[in-house]
PDB file of N, CA and C in Angstrom:
ATOM      1  N   MET A   1      12.930  14.968   5.553  1.00  0.00           N
ATOM      2  CA  MET A   1      11.978  14.514   6.309  1.00  0.00           C
ATOM      3  C   MET A   1      11.483  13.184   5.598  1.00  0.00           C
ATOM      4  N   ALA A   2      11.935  12.170   6.518  1.00  0.00           N
ATOM      5  CA  ALA A   2      11.445  10.475   6.423  1.00  0.00           C
ATOM      6  C   ALA A   2      10.280  10.558   5.911  1.00  0.00           C
ATOM      7  N   THR A   3       9.548   9.409   5.175  1.00  0.00           N
ATOM      8  CA  THR A   3       8.278   9.113   5.177  1.00  0.00           C
ATOM      9  C   THR A   3       7.905   7.677   5.713  1.00  0.00           C
ATOM     10  N   THR A   4       6.998   7.621   6.675  1.00  0.00           N
ATOM     11  CA  THR A   4       6.413   6.518   7.072  1.00  0.00           C
ATOM     12  C   THR A   4       5.458   5.692   6.821  1.00  0.00           C
ATOM     13  N   VAL A   5       5.661   4.459   6.280  1.00  0.00           N
ATOM     14  CA  VAL A   5       4.291   3.870   5.564  1.00  0.00           C
ATOM     15  C   VAL A   5       3.948   2.578   6.628  1.00  0.00           C
ATOM     16  N   THR A   6       3.157   2.406   7.348  1.00  0.00           N
ATOM     17  CA  THR A   6       2.735   0.892   8.323  1.00  0.00           C
ATOM     18  C   THR A   6       1.611   0.293   7.627  1.00  0.00           C
ATOM     19  N   VAL A   7       1.811  -0.820   7.589  1.00  0.00           N
ATOM     20  CA  VAL A   7       0.876  -1.914   7.057  1.00  0.00           C
ATOM     21  C   VAL A   7       0.827  -2.954   8.011  1.00  0.00           C
ATOM     22  N   ALA A   8      -0.829  -2.685   8.788  1.00  0.00           N
ATOM     23  CA  ALA A   8      -1.226  -3.673   9.860  1.00  0.00           C
ATOM     24  C   ALA A   8      -1.991  -4.513   9.320  1.00  0.00           C
ATOM     25  N   PHE A   9      -1.658  -6.114   9.944  1.00  0.00           N
ATOM     26  CA  PHE A   9      -2.976  -7.116   9.511  1.00  0.00           C
ATOM     27  C   PHE A   9      -3.465  -7.549  10.831  1.00  0.00           C
ATOM     28  N   ALA A  10      -2.952  -7.141  12.088  1.00  0.00           N
ATOM     29  CA  ALA A  10      -3.388  -7.064  13.091  1.00  0.00           C
ATOM     30  C   ALA A  10      -3.035  -6.308  14.447  1.00  0.00           C
ATOM     31  N   ARG A  11      -3.273  -6.066  15.394  1.00  0.00           N
ATOM     32  CA  ARG A  11      -2.773  -5.273  16.338  1.00  0.00           C
ATOM     33  C   ARG A  11      -1.053  -5.429  16.513  1.00  0.00           C
ATOM     34  N   ASP A  12      -1.125  -6.803  16.710  1.00  0.00           N
ATOM     35  CA  ASP A  12       0.415  -7.148  16.995  1.00  0.00           C
ATOM     36  C   ASP A  12       1.173  -7.864  15.628  1.00  0.00           C
ATOM     37  N   ARG A  13       0.521  -7.385  14.749  1.00  0.00           N
ATOM     38  CA  ARG A  13       1.172  -7.939  13.247  1.00  0.00           C
ATOM     39  C   ARG A  13       1.397  -6.399  12.231  1.00  0.00           C
ATOM     40  N   GLU A  14       2.273  -5.666  12.864  1.00  0.00           N
ATOM     41  CA  GLU A  14       2.296  -4.303  11.756  1.00  0.00           C
ATOM     42  C   GLU A  14       3.727  -4.091  11.383  1.00  0.00           C
ATOM     43  N   TYR A  15       3.841  -3.647  10.033  1.00  0.00           N
ATOM     44  CA  TYR A  15       4.930  -3.508   9.569  1.00  0.00           C
ATOM     45  C   TYR A  15       5.410  -2.081   9.183  1.00  0.00           C
ATOM     46  N   GLU A  16       6.683  -1.625   9.409  1.00  0.00           N
ATOM     47  CA  GLU A  16       6.563  -0.071   9.179  1.00  0.00           C
ATOM     48  C   GLU A  16       7.908  -0.316   8.131  1.00  0.00           C
ATOM     49  N   PHE A  17       7.512   0.719   7.068  1.00  0.00           N
ATOM     50  CA  PHE A  17       8.729   1.216   6.485  1.00  0.00           C
ATOM     51  C   PHE A  17       9.074   2.540   6.370  1.00  0.00           C
ATOM     52  N   LYS A  18      10.086   2.836   6.606  1.00  0.00           N
ATOM     53  CA  LYS A  18      10.658   4.151   6.584  1.00  0.00           C
ATOM     54  C   LYS A  18      11.085   4.536   5.479  1.00  0.00           C
ATOM     55  N   LEU A  19      10.814   5.376   4.873  1.00  0.00           N
ATOM     56  CA  LEU A  19      11.385   5.966   3.272  1.00  0.00           C
ATOM     57  C   LEU A  19      12.244   6.848   3.412  1.00  0.00           C
ATOM     58  N   HIS A  20      13.523   7.198   3.254  1.00  0.00           N
ATOM     59  CA  HIS A  20      14.622   8.179   3.700  1.00  0.00           C
ATOM     60  C   HIS A  20      14.429   9.002   2.399  1.00  0.00           C
ATOM     61  N   ASP A  21      14.852  10.372   2.637  1.00  0.00           N
ATOM     62  CA  ASP A  21      14.372  11.532   1.646  1.00  0.00           C
ATOM     63  C   ASP A  21      15.423  10.999   0.576  1.00  0.00           C
ATOM     64  N   ALA A  22      16.655  10.341   0.424  1.00  0.00           N
ATOM     65  CA  ALA A  22      17.278   9.955  -0.249  1.00  0.00           C
ATOM     66  C   ALA A  22      16.773   8.823  -1.324  1.00  0.00           C
ATOM     67  N   GLU A  23      15.581   8.270  -1.162  1.00  0.00           N
ATOM     68  CA  GLU A  23      14.987   7.301  -1.953  1.00  0.00           C
ATOM     69  C   GLU A  23      14.102   8.193  -2.767  1.00  0.00           C
ATOM     70  N   THR A  24      13.936   7.932  -3.971  1.00  0.00           N
ATOM     71  CA  THR A  24      13.231   8.280  -5.029  1.00  0.00           C
ATOM     72  C   THR A  24      11.838   7.766  -4.798  1.00  0.00           C
ATOM     73  N   LEU A  25      11.026   8.602  -4.517  1.00  0.00           N
ATOM     74  CA  LEU A  25       9.201   8.271  -4.607  1.00  0.00           C
ATOM     75  C   LEU A  25       8.809   8.172  -6.219  1.00  0.00           C
ATOM     76  N   PRO A  26       8.000   7.590  -6.229  1.00  0.00           N
ATOM     77  CA  PRO A  26       7.758   7.717  -7.833  1.00  0.00           C
ATOM     78  C   PRO A  26       6.436   9.012  -7.786  1.00  0.00           C
ATOM     79  N   THR A  27       6.042   9.556  -8.786  1.00  0.00           N
ATOM     80  CA  THR A  27       5.454  10.954  -9.157  1.00  0.00           C
ATOM     81  C   THR A  27       3.778  10.089  -8.406  1.00  0.00           C
ATOM     82  N   ARG A  28       2.941  10.783  -8.431  1.00  0.00           N
ATOM     83  CA  ARG A  28       1.614  10.322  -7.742  1.00  0.00           C
ATOM     84  C   ARG A  28       0.911   9.338  -9.176  1.00  0.00           C
ATOM     85  N   ALA A  29       1.233   9.801 -10.444  1.00  0.00           N
ATOM     86  CA  ALA A  29       0.530   8.897 -11.563  1.00  0.00           C
ATOM     87  C   ALA A  29       0.823   7.756 -11.334  1.00  0.00           C
ATOM     88  N   GLU A  30       2.499   7.657 -11.623  1.00  0.00           N
ATOM     89  CA  GLU A  30       3.668   6.498 -11.478  1.00  0.00           C
ATOM     90  C   GLU A  30       2.959   5.480 -10.441  1.00  0.00           C
ATOM     91  N   ALA A  31       2.831   6.066  -9.059  1.00  0.00           N
ATOM     92  CA  ALA A  31       2.271   5.349  -8.133  1.00  0.00           C
ATOM     93  C   ALA A  31       1.170   4.808  -8.209  1.00  0.00           C
ATOM     94  N   GLN A  32      -0.041   5.526  -8.649  1.00  0.00           N
ATOM     95  CA  GLN A  32      -1.177   4.885  -9.191  1.00  0.00           C
ATOM     96  C   GLN A  32      -1.441   3.925  -9.915  1.00  0.00           C
ATOM     97  N   GLN A  33      -0.376   4.117 -11.043  1.00  0.00           N
ATOM     98  CA  GLN A  33      -0.464   3.060 -12.159  1.00  0.00           C
ATOM     99  C   GLN A  33       0.689   1.629 -11.699  1.00  0.00           C
ATOM    100  N   TRP A  34       1.134   1.922 -10.708  1.00  0.00           N
ATOM    101  CA  TRP A  34       1.885   0.726  -9.974  1.00  0.00           C
ATOM    102  C   TRP A  34       0.916  -0.004  -9.371  1.00  0.00           C
ATOM    103  N   LEU A  35       0.151   0.695  -8.514  1.00  0.00           N
ATOM    104  CA  LEU A  35      -1.164   0.398  -7.430  1.00  0.00           C
ATOM    105  C   LEU A  35      -2.115  -0.607  -8.823  1.00  0.00           C
ATOM    106  N   GLU A  36      -2.214   0.204  -9.797  1.00  0.00           N
ATOM    107  CA  GLU A  36      -3.428  -0.811 -10.828  1.00  0.00           C
ATOM    108  C   GLU A  36      -2.845  -1.934 -11.349  1.00  0.00           C
ATOM    109  N   GLN A  37      -1.542  -1.759 -11.789  1.00  0.00           N
ATOM    110  CA  GLN A  37      -0.963  -3.136 -12.145  1.00  0.00           C
ATOM    111  C   GLN A  37      -0.921  -4.380 -11.412  1.00  0.00           C
ATOM    112  N   GLN A  38      -0.501  -3.885  -9.986  1.00  0.00           N
ATOM    113  CA  GLN A  38      -0.559  -5.131  -9.019  1.00  0.00           C
ATOM    114  C   GLN A  38      -2.000  -5.763  -8.732  1.00  0.00           C
ATOM    115  N   TRP A  39      -2.682  -4.613  -8.692  1.00  0.00           N
ATOM    116  CA  TRP A  39      -4.437  -5.045  -8.796  1.00  0.00           C
ATOM    117  C   TRP A  39      -4.443  -5.964  -9.735  1.00  0.00           C
ATOM    118  N   LEU A  40      -3.971  -5.824 -11.292  1.00  0.00           N
ATOM    119  CA  LEU A  40      -4.354  -6.626 -12.324  1.00  0.00           C
ATOM    120  C   LEU A  40      -3.759  -8.058 -12.027  1.00  0.00           C
ATOM    121  N   GLU A  41      -2.225  -8.084 -11.526  1.00  0.00           N
ATOM    122  CA  GLU A  41      -1.659  -9.117 -11.530  1.00  0.00           C
ATOM    123  C   GLU A  41      -1.824  -9.863 -10.523  1.00  0.00           C
ATOM    124  N   LEU A  42      -2.171  -9.438  -9.344  1.00  0.00           N
ATOM    125  CA  LEU A  42      -2.835 -10.360  -8.207  1.00  0.00           C
ATOM    126  C   LEU A  42      -4.345 -10.611  -8.205  1.00  0.00           C
ATOM    127  N   GLU A  43      -4.907 -10.171  -9.595  1.00  0.00           N
ATOM    128  CA  GLU A  43      -6.243 -10.658  -9.669  1.00  0.00           C
ATOM    129  C   GLU A  43      -7.024 -10.399  -8.529  1.00  0.00           C
ATOM    130  N   CYS A  44      -7.286  -8.932  -7.939  1.00  0.00           N
ATOM    131  CA  CYS A  44      -7.761  -8.414  -7.187  1.00  0.00           C
ATOM    132  C   CYS A  44      -9.282  -8.623  -7.646  1.00  0.00           C
ATOM    133  N   ALA A  45     -10.226  -8.306  -6.508  1.00  0.00           N
ATOM    134  CA  ALA A  45     -11.501  -8.344  -6.793  1.00  0.00           C
ATOM    135  C   ALA A  45     -12.080  -7.099  -5.624  1.00  0.00           C
ATOM    136  N   THR A  46     -13.031  -6.510  -6.170  1.00  0.00           N
ATOM    137  CA  THR A  46     -13.434  -5.512  -5.420  1.00  0.00           C
ATOM    138  C   THR A  46     -14.615  -6.060  -4.563  1.00  0.00           C
ATOM    139  N   ASP A  47     -14.849  -5.254  -3.524  1.00  0.00           N
ATOM    140  CA  ASP A  47     -16.061  -5.699  -2.633  1.00  0.00           C
ATOM    141  C   ASP A  47     -17.064  -4.607  -2.628  1.00  0.00           C
ATOM    142  N   HIS A  48     -16.956  -3.623  -3.688  1.00  0.00           N
ATOM    143  CA  HIS A  48     -18.575  -3.237  -3.691  1.00  0.00           C
ATOM    144  C   HIS A  48     -19.235  -3.208  -4.801  1.00  0.00           C
ATOM    145  N   PRO A  49     -20.479  -3.416  -4.350  1.00  0.00           N
ATOM    146  CA  PRO A  49     -21.503  -3.744  -5.575  1.00  0.00           C
ATOM    147  C   PRO A  49     -21.439  -3.474  -6.638  1.00  0.00           C
ATOM    148  N   MET A  50     -21.262  -2.162  -6.762  1.00  0.00           N
ATOM    149  CA  MET A  50     -21.290  -1.277  -8.140  1.00  0.00           C
ATOM    150  C   MET A  50     -19.831  -1.428  -8.566  1.00  0.00           C
ATOM    151  N   GLY A  51     -18.771  -2.150  -8.349  1.00  0.00           N
ATOM    152  CA  GLY A  51     -17.885  -2.356  -9.262  1.00  0.00           C
ATOM    153  C   GLY A  51     -16.900  -1.174  -9.040  1.00  0.00           C
ATOM    154  N   LYS A  52     -17.266   0.008  -8.440  1.00  0.00           N
ATOM    155  CA  LYS A  52     -16.323   0.941  -8.663  1.00  0.00           C
ATOM    156  C   LYS A  52     -15.028   0.645  -7.764  1.00  0.00           C
ATOM    157  N   ILE A  53     -13.653   1.095  -8.219  1.00  0.00           N
ATOM    158  CA  ILE A  53     -12.968   1.024  -7.488  1.00  0.00           C
ATOM    159  C   ILE A  53     -12.112   2.413  -6.791  1.00  0.00           C
ATOM    160  N   LEU A  54     -12.054   2.720  -5.713  1.00  0.00           N
ATOM    161  CA  LEU A  54     -11.596   4.119  -5.135  1.00  0.00           C
ATOM    162  C   LEU A  54      -9.912   3.764  -4.867  1.00  0.00           C
ATOM    163  N   ALA A  55      -9.568   4.723  -4.916  1.00  0.00           N
ATOM    164  CA  ALA A  55      -7.612   4.649  -4.628  1.00  0.00           C
ATOM    165  C   ALA A  55      -7.293   3.963  -3.043  1.00  0.00           C
ATOM    166  N   ILE A  56      -8.291   4.374  -2.491  1.00  0.00           N
ATOM    167  CA  ILE A  56      -8.113   3.709  -1.068  1.00  0.00           C
ATOM    168  C   ILE A  56      -8.659   2.100  -1.074  1.00  0.00           C
ATOM    169  N   ASP A  57      -9.596   1.769  -1.617  1.00  0.00           N
ATOM    170  CA  ASP A  57     -10.100   0.412  -1.819  1.00  0.00           C
ATOM    171  C   ASP A  57      -8.828  -0.511  -2.730  1.00  0.00           C
ATOM    172  N   ARG A  58      -8.186   0.227  -3.539  1.00  0.00           N
ATOM    173  CA  ARG A  58      -7.107  -0.149  -4.187  1.00  0.00           C
ATOM    174  C   ARG A  58      -5.731  -0.229  -3.241  1.00  0.00           C
ATOM    175  N   ILE A  59      -5.536   0.654  -2.591  1.00  0.00           N
ATOM    176  CA  ILE A  59      -4.339   0.241  -1.715  1.00  0.00           C
ATOM    177  C   ILE A  59      -4.714  -0.975  -0.449  1.00  0.00           C
ATOM    178  N   LEU A  60      -5.729  -0.931   0.141  1.00  0.00           N
ATOM    179  CA  LEU A  60      -6.002  -1.906   1.128  1.00  0.00           C
ATOM    180  C   LEU A  60      -5.975  -3.138   0.251  1.00  0.00           C
ATOM    181  N   THR A  61      -6.561  -3.754  -0.824  1.00  0.00           N
ATOM    182  CA  THR A  61      -6.938  -4.699  -1.457  1.00  0.00           C
ATOM    183  C   THR A  61      -5.735  -5.070  -2.470  1.00  0.00           C
ATOM    184  N   VAL A  62      -4.847  -4.335  -2.547  1.00  0.00           N
ATOM    185  CA  VAL A  62      -3.354  -4.945  -3.159  1.00  0.00           C
ATOM    186  C   VAL A  62      -2.144  -5.293  -1.622  1.00  0.00           C
ATOM    187  N   ALA A  63      -2.854  -4.283  -0.709  1.00  0.00           N
ATOM    188  CA  ALA A  63      -1.968  -5.179   0.487  1.00  0.00           C
ATOM    189  C   ALA A  63      -2.628  -6.496   0.846  1.00  0.00           C
ATOM    190  N   ARG A  64      -3.599  -6.745   1.122  1.00  0.00           N
ATOM    191  CA  ARG A  64      -4.181  -8.032   1.359  1.00  0.00           C
ATOM    192  C   ARG A  64      -4.151  -9.076   0.261  1.00  0.00           C
ATOM    193  N   TYR A  65      -4.331  -8.760  -0.811  1.00  0.00           N
ATOM    194  CA  TYR A  65      -4.023  -9.906  -1.772  1.00  0.00           C
ATOM    195  C   TYR A  65      -2.438 -10.063  -2.084  1.00  0.00           C
ATOM    196  N   GLY A  66      -1.521  -9.088  -1.519  1.00  0.00           N
ATOM    197  CA  GLY A  66       0.109  -9.284  -1.750  1.00  0.00           C
ATOM    198  C   GLY A  66       0.375 -10.131  -0.417  1.00  0.00           C
ATOM    199  N   GLY A  67      -0.203  -9.890   0.421  1.00  0.00           N
ATOM    200  CA  GLY A  67      -0.235 -10.807   1.541  1.00  0.00           C
ATOM    201  C   GLY A  67       0.787 -10.493   2.424  1.00  0.00           C
ATOM    202  N   GLU A  68       0.700 -10.948   4.046  1.00  0.00           N
ATOM    203  CA  GLU A  68       1.318 -10.367   4.816  1.00  0.00           C
ATOM    204  C   GLU A  68       2.942 -10.892   4.729  1.00  0.00           C
ATOM    205  N   LYS A  69       3.150 -11.927   4.418  1.00  0.00           N
ATOM    206  CA  LYS A  69       4.634 -12.498   4.143  1.00  0.00           C
ATOM    207  C   LYS A  69       5.507 -11.538   3.409  1.00  0.00           C
ATOM    208  N   ARG A  70       5.018 -10.743   2.438  1.00  0.00           N
ATOM    209  CA  ARG A  70       5.808 -10.196   1.664  1.00  0.00           C
ATOM    210  C   ARG A  70       6.164  -8.643   2.700  1.00  0.00           C
ATOM    211  N   PHE A  71       5.330  -8.379   3.451  1.00  0.00           N
ATOM    212  CA  PHE A  71       5.371  -7.212   4.288  1.00  0.00           C
ATOM    213  C   PHE A  71       6.255  -7.570   5.463  1.00  0.00           C
ATOM    214  N   ALA A  72       6.159  -8.776   6.336  1.00  0.00           N
ATOM    215  CA  ALA A  72       7.086  -9.155   7.174  1.00  0.00           C
ATOM    216  C   ALA A  72       8.307  -9.286   6.761  1.00  0.00           C
ATOM    217  N   ASN A  73       8.691  -9.920   5.578  1.00  0.00           N
ATOM    218  CA  ASN A  73       9.695 -10.293   4.949  1.00  0.00           C
ATOM    219  C   ASN A  73      10.263  -8.704   4.847  1.00  0.00           C
ATOM    220  N   LYS A  74       9.876  -7.871   4.230  1.00  0.00           N
ATOM    221  CA  LYS A  74      10.332  -6.607   4.141  1.00  0.00           C
ATOM    222  C   LYS A  74      10.784  -6.828   2.810  1.00  0.00           C
ATOM    223  N   ASP A  75      10.331  -7.675   1.633  1.00  0.00           N
ATOM    224  CA  ASP A  75      10.999  -7.653   0.478  1.00  0.00           C
ATOM    225  C   ASP A  75      10.558  -6.470  -0.313  1.00  0.00           C
ATOM    226  N   ASP A  76      11.439  -6.543  -1.708  1.00  0.00           N
ATOM    227  CA  ASP A  76      11.391  -5.486  -2.835  1.00  0.00           C
ATOM    228  C   ASP A  76      10.119  -5.020  -2.976  1.00  0.00           C
ATOM    229  N   TRP A  77       9.042  -6.119  -2.789  1.00  0.00           N
ATOM    230  CA  TRP A  77       7.692  -5.943  -3.532  1.00  0.00           C
ATOM    231  C   TRP A  77       6.960  -4.746  -2.599  1.00  0.00           C
ATOM    232  N   ALA A  78       7.036  -5.164  -1.189  1.00  0.00           N
ATOM    233  CA  ALA A  78       6.628  -4.766  -0.014  1.00  0.00           C
ATOM    234  C   ALA A  78       7.087  -2.994   0.178  1.00  0.00           C
ATOM    235  N   LYS A  79       8.369  -2.803  -0.202  1.00  0.00           N
ATOM    236  CA  LYS A  79       9.168  -1.560  -0.551  1.00  0.00           C
ATOM    237  C   LYS A  79       8.575  -0.790  -1.171  1.00  0.00           C
ATOM    238  N   GLU A  80       8.250  -1.683  -2.320  1.00  0.00           N
ATOM    239  CA  GLU A  80       7.841  -0.686  -3.853  1.00  0.00           C
ATOM    240  C   GLU A  80       6.199  -0.268  -3.233  1.00  0.00           C
ATOM    241  N   TYR A  81       5.730  -1.150  -2.458  1.00  0.00           N
ATOM    242  CA  TYR A  81       3.819  -0.960  -2.140  1.00  0.00           C
ATOM    243  C   TYR A  81       4.416   0.680  -1.242  1.00  0.00           C
ATOM    244  N   ALA A  82       4.901   0.638  -0.345  1.00  0.00           N
ATOM    245  CA  ALA A  82       4.872   1.395   0.605  1.00  0.00           C
ATOM    246  C   ALA A  82       5.436   2.954  -0.043  1.00  0.00           C
ATOM    247  N   LYS A  83       6.720   2.786  -0.848  1.00  0.00           N
ATOM    248  CA  LYS A  83       6.465   3.894  -2.100  1.00  0.00           C
ATOM    249  C   LYS A  83       5.649   4.173  -2.949  1.00  0.00           C
ATOM    250  N   ALA A  84       4.841   3.204  -3.390  1.00  0.00           N
ATOM    251  CA  ALA A  84       3.790   3.722  -4.156  1.00  0.00           C
ATOM    252  C   ALA A  84       2.458   4.343  -3.262  1.00  0.00           C
ATOM    253  N   VAL A  85       2.137   4.274  -2.116  1.00  0.00           N
ATOM    254  CA  VAL A  85       1.276   4.368  -1.346  1.00  0.00           C
ATOM    255  C   VAL A  85       1.707   5.667  -0.491  1.00  0.00           C
ATOM    256  N   ALA A  86       2.823   6.057  -0.212  1.00  0.00           N
ATOM    257  CA  ALA A  86       3.268   7.481   0.240  1.00  0.00           C
ATOM    258  C   ALA A  86       2.724   8.427  -0.978  1.00  0.00           C
ATOM    259  N   ALA A  87       3.271   7.891  -2.200  1.00  0.00           N
ATOM    260  CA  ALA A  87       3.496   8.834  -3.096  1.00  0.00           C
ATOM    261  C   ALA A  87       1.943   9.189  -3.725  1.00  0.00           C
ATOM    262  N   ALA A  88       1.140   8.082  -3.939  1.00  0.00           N
ATOM    263  CA  ALA A  88      -0.363   8.165  -4.149  1.00  0.00           C
ATOM    264  C   ALA A  88      -1.230   9.056  -3.585  1.00  0.00           C
ATOM    265  N   LEU A  89      -0.875   9.099  -2.103  1.00  0.00           N
ATOM    266  CA  LEU A  89      -1.350   9.905  -1.229  1.00  0.00           C
ATOM    267  C   LEU A  89      -1.029  11.216  -0.803  1.00  0.00           C
ATOM    268  N   GLU A  90       0.286  11.176  -1.206  1.00  0.00           N
ATOM    269  CA  GLU A  90       1.355  12.543  -1.013  1.00  0.00           C
ATOM    270  C   GLU A  90       1.075  12.698   0.723  1.00  0.00           C
ATOM    271  N   LEU A  91       1.527  11.636   1.216  1.00  0.00           N
ATOM    272  CA  LEU A  91       1.416  11.975   2.890  1.00  0.00           C
ATOM    273  C   LEU A  91       2.959  11.827   3.638  1.00  0.00           C
ATOM    274  N   LYS A  92       3.203  12.264   4.525  1.00  0.00           N
ATOM    275  CA  LYS A  92       4.614  12.160   5.219  1.00  0.00           C
ATOM    276  C   LYS A  92       4.539  10.858   5.941  1.00  0.00           C
ATOM    277  N   ALA A  93       2.962  10.590   6.326  1.00  0.00           N
ATOM    278  CA  ALA A  93       2.830   9.254   7.440  1.00  0.00           C
ATOM    279  C   ALA A  93       1.650   8.592   7.225  1.00  0.00           C
ATOM    280  N   VAL A  94       1.605   7.381   6.761  1.00  0.00           N
ATOM    281  CA  VAL A  94       0.440   6.485   6.383  1.00  0.00           C
ATOM    282  C   VAL A  94       0.256   5.344   7.208  1.00  0.00           C
ATOM    283  N   ARG A  95      -0.977   5.096   7.526  1.00  0.00           N
ATOM    284  CA  ARG A  95      -1.310   3.246   8.369  1.00  0.00           C
ATOM    285  C   ARG A  95      -2.526   2.776   7.118  1.00  0.00           C
ATOM    286  N   VAL A  96      -1.939   1.499   6.956  1.00  0.00           N
ATOM    287  CA  VAL A  96      -2.847   0.924   6.119  1.00  0.00           C
ATOM    288  C   VAL A  96      -3.245  -0.481   6.969  1.00  0.00           C
ATOM    289  N   ASP A  97      -4.435  -0.301   7.419  1.00  0.00           N
ATOM    290  CA  ASP A  97      -4.764  -1.514   8.444  1.00  0.00           C
ATOM    291  C   ASP A  97      -5.800  -2.126   7.384  1.00  0.00           C
ATOM    292  N   VAL A  98      -4.957  -3.047   6.949  1.00  0.00           N
ATOM    293  CA  VAL A  98      -5.879  -4.187   6.271  1.00  0.00           C
ATOM    294  C   VAL A  98      -6.922  -4.819   6.798  1.00  0.00           C
ATOM    295  N   ALA A  99      -6.643  -5.224   8.275  1.00  0.00           N
ATOM    296  CA  ALA A  99      -7.962  -5.985   9.226  1.00  0.00           C
ATOM    297  C   ALA A  99      -9.164  -5.208   9.090  1.00  0.00           C
ATOM    298  N   GLU A 100      -8.788  -3.876   9.336  1.00  0.00           N
ATOM    299  CA  GLU A 100      -9.938  -2.676  10.044  1.00  0.00           C
ATOM    300  C   GLU A 100     -10.237  -1.990   8.302  1.00  0.00           C
ATOM    301  N   ARG A 101      -9.593  -2.053   7.318  1.00  0.00           N
ATOM    302  CA  ARG A 101      -9.858  -1.559   5.678  1.00  0.00           C
ATOM    303  C   ARG A 101      -9.743  -0.195   6.346  1.00  0.00           C
ATOM    304  N   VAL A 102      -9.007   0.225   6.703  1.00  0.00           N
ATOM    305  CA  VAL A 102      -8.692   2.141   7.033  1.00  0.00           C
ATOM    306  C   VAL A 102      -7.492   2.419   6.593  1.00  0.00           C
ATOM    307  N   VAL A 103      -7.633   3.676   5.720  1.00  0.00           N
ATOM    308  CA  VAL A 103      -5.957   4.031   5.525  1.00  0.00           C
ATOM    309  C   VAL A 103      -6.036   5.423   6.129  1.00  0.00           C
ATOM    310  N   GLY A 104      -5.125   5.803   7.045  1.00  0.00           N
ATOM    311  CA  GLY A 104      -5.312   7.029   7.760  1.00  0.00           C
ATOM    312  C   GLY A 104      -3.810   7.838   7.635  1.00  0.00           C
TER     313      GLY A 104
END
C-alpha cells in the first residue's frame, strides 16, 4: 500500500508525494534524526516562547524554512522530507498544511 504525503502552502498550492511500497522508508528514529538535522541546517527557529520543539512543530517549520520551491520542483530534498514525515508519524496519509500550521 502506498503512502501519500501532501504539503500545502495555500489551497491552490499543494504538492503530493506518493511513496510506493518499493521505496524504503527510514525508521522512525532515522526520520526524526533527519528532521532534526534539517532543522539545524536550515537554522529554523521555534515560535514557542518556552523554546520547546514538538515533533509537529519540527515537521511544519522544516517545510516552511525548506521553501515551497523545493516541493513544487519535487526535488530530492522534498522526497526525503516526505519519507521522513511518513516514517516519523507512522501514517499512510499525511497532510502538512504549512499556511494553517496543521498536520493531519
